């Protein structure tokens, strides 16, 4: 059984690590990018954990992660449904934070990954029209 809260904590840790370490975390990535240590761009072997992180985030954004569809989970009542919806919302937000941290770390080299995430992320944004009320103050 994979707990949503555990996965959320792990995603937060990944996001923080990417934010703190920055491009050094992906220095071995096969994506061409400026080197921190040399003048030439770096192109290295792919780092398996970066691809794994991307795949996990994609599963979460698609709501196909095991923690979101646990077959061992018992049917929930109305109160538990609200709690699960809140936990799913936080989980998806943390997955978005990982995407943001990857974008910050990779800079322009994030472009190929952006194509993978864009359609998944955009479905969570709903157009809302702001209602403005104007009051006359005398």
Protein backbone atom coordinates (compact mmCIF):
# COMPACT_ATOMS: atom_id res chain seq x y z
CA UNK A 1 0.00 0.00 0.00
CA UNK A 2 1.40 3.39 -1.01
CA UNK A 3 0.23 6.24 1.16
CA UNK A 4 -0.53 9.58 -0.53
CA UNK A 5 1.08 11.44 2.35
CA UNK A 6 4.34 9.49 1.98
CA UNK A 7 4.47 10.15 -1.76
CA UNK A 8 3.69 13.83 -1.15
CA UNK A 9 6.58 14.04 1.32
CA UNK A 10 8.93 12.34 -1.14
CA UNK A 11 7.93 14.73 -3.93
CA UNK A 12 8.49 17.70 -1.63
CA UNK A 13 11.96 16.36 -0.84
CA UNK A 14 12.78 15.92 -4.52
CA UNK A 15 11.55 19.42 -5.28
CA UNK A 16 13.62 20.93 -2.45
CA UNK A 17 16.70 18.98 -3.50
CA UNK A 18 16.38 20.17 -7.09
CA UNK A 19 15.90 23.75 -5.89
CA UNK A 20 18.90 23.63 -3.56
CA UNK A 21 21.36 21.73 -5.73
CA UNK A 22 20.15 23.06 -9.05
CA UNK A 23 21.79 21.94 -12.29
CA UNK A 24 24.42 19.91 -10.45
CA UNK A 25 21.69 17.39 -9.71
CA UNK A 26 21.23 16.73 -13.42
CA UNK A 27 24.84 17.31 -14.56
CA UNK A 28 24.94 13.82 -16.06
CA UNK A 29 21.74 14.31 -18.05
CA UNK A 30 21.80 13.58 -21.78
CA UNK A 31 20.19 16.98 -22.39
CA UNK A 32 22.74 19.46 -23.74
CA UNK A 33 23.15 22.41 -21.38
CA UNK A 34 25.81 24.84 -20.15
CA UNK A 35 28.35 23.31 -17.82
CA UNK A 36 28.94 24.69 -14.39
CA UNK A 37 32.66 23.97 -14.65
CA UNK A 38 33.62 24.34 -18.32
CA UNK A 39 32.96 26.66 -21.25
CA UNK A 40 31.58 23.95 -23.54
CA UNK A 41 28.06 22.57 -23.19
CA UNK A 42 27.81 19.27 -21.37
CA UNK A 43 26.27 16.21 -22.97
CA UNK A 44 26.59 13.08 -20.91
CA UNK A 45 24.90 9.78 -20.32
CA UNK A 46 21.32 9.94 -19.19
CA UNK A 47 20.74 9.94 -15.44
CA UNK A 48 18.19 7.20 -14.79
CA UNK A 49 16.66 8.88 -11.76
CA UNK A 50 15.73 12.03 -13.69
CA UNK A 51 13.73 9.93 -16.15
CA UNK A 52 12.23 7.97 -13.25
CA UNK A 53 11.19 11.22 -11.54
CA UNK A 54 9.55 12.40 -14.77
CA UNK A 55 7.66 9.13 -15.13
CA UNK A 56 6.42 9.26 -11.52
CA UNK A 57 5.26 12.86 -11.93
CA UNK A 58 3.47 11.93 -15.17
CA UNK A 59 1.67 9.08 -13.41
CA UNK A 60 0.54 11.40 -10.63
CA UNK A 61 -0.62 14.11 -13.01
CA UNK A 62 -2.53 11.46 -14.98
CA UNK A 63 -4.00 10.16 -11.69
CA UNK A 64 -2.64 6.69 -12.44
CA UNK A 65 -0.15 6.39 -9.58
CA UNK A 66 -0.66 3.43 -7.27
CA UNK A 67 -1.17 5.75 -4.28
CA UNK A 68 -4.11 7.33 -6.12
CA UNK A 69 -5.66 4.02 -7.20
CA UNK A 70 -4.80 1.61 -4.42
CA UNK A 71 -6.76 -1.62 -4.97
CA UNK A 72 -6.38 -2.54 -1.27
CA UNK A 73 -8.03 0.68 -0.12
CA UNK A 74 -11.40 0.20 1.53
CA UNK A 75 -14.39 2.19 0.27
CA UNK A 76 -14.54 5.55 2.00
CA UNK A 77 -17.41 7.50 3.50
CA UNK A 78 -18.33 11.08 2.59
CA UNK A 79 -15.90 12.61 5.12
CA UNK A 80 -13.09 10.36 3.97
CA UNK A 81 -13.83 11.23 0.33
CA UNK A 82 -13.30 14.92 1.13
CA UNK A 83 -10.04 14.09 2.88
CA UNK A 84 -8.86 11.97 -0.07
CA UNK A 85 -9.74 14.78 -2.49
CA UNK A 86 -7.67 17.18 -0.39
CA UNK A 87 -4.75 14.73 -0.28
CA UNK A 88 -4.97 14.25 -4.07
CA UNK A 89 -4.92 18.01 -4.53
CA UNK A 90 -1.80 18.36 -2.39
CA UNK A 91 -0.18 15.42 -4.19
CA UNK A 92 -0.80 16.99 -7.60
CA UNK A 93 0.48 20.34 -6.33
CA UNK A 94 3.70 18.67 -5.15
CA UNK A 95 4.09 16.97 -8.54
CA UNK A 96 3.77 20.42 -10.14
CA UNK A 97 6.43 21.73 -7.77
CA UNK A 98 8.80 19.01 -8.99
CA UNK A 99 8.14 20.05 -12.60
CA UNK A 100 8.86 23.66 -11.64
CA UNK A 101 12.08 22.69 -9.86
CA UNK A 102 13.17 20.66 -12.90
CA UNK A 103 12.49 23.66 -15.14
CA UNK A 104 14.54 25.93 -12.87
CA UNK A 105 17.39 23.45 -12.68
CA UNK A 106 17.58 22.72 -16.41
CA UNK A 107 16.80 26.17 -17.76
CA UNK A 108 16.35 26.09 -21.53
CA UNK A 109 17.33 22.43 -21.60
CA UNK A 110 13.93 21.77 -19.98
CA UNK A 111 12.22 22.34 -23.36
CA UNK A 112 11.97 18.63 -24.35
CA UNK A 113 10.54 17.78 -20.92
CA UNK A 114 8.10 20.69 -21.08
CA UNK A 115 6.33 19.00 -23.99
CA UNK A 116 5.77 15.93 -21.81
CA UNK A 117 4.25 17.88 -18.92
CA UNK A 118 2.33 20.73 -20.56
CA UNK A 119 -0.82 18.85 -21.56
CA UNK A 120 -0.92 17.10 -18.21
CA UNK A 121 -0.61 20.31 -16.19
CA UNK A 122 -2.89 22.51 -18.26
CA UNK A 123 -5.92 20.32 -17.57
CA UNK A 124 -5.78 21.37 -13.90
CA UNK A 125 -6.25 25.04 -14.74
CA UNK A 126 -9.81 26.15 -15.28
CA UNK A 127 -10.64 29.48 -16.81
CA UNK A 128 -12.41 31.57 -14.24
CA UNK A 129 -13.83 34.93 -14.78
CA UNK A 130 -13.16 37.39 -12.04
CA UNK A 131 -16.15 39.34 -10.91
CA UNK A 132 -15.35 42.87 -10.06
CA UNK A 133 -17.65 44.98 -8.02
CA UNK A 134 -17.21 48.66 -7.85
CA UNK A 135 -18.54 50.63 -4.97
CA UNK A 136 -18.89 54.34 -4.89
CA UNK A 137 -17.55 55.77 -1.70
CA UNK A 138 -18.91 59.10 -0.68
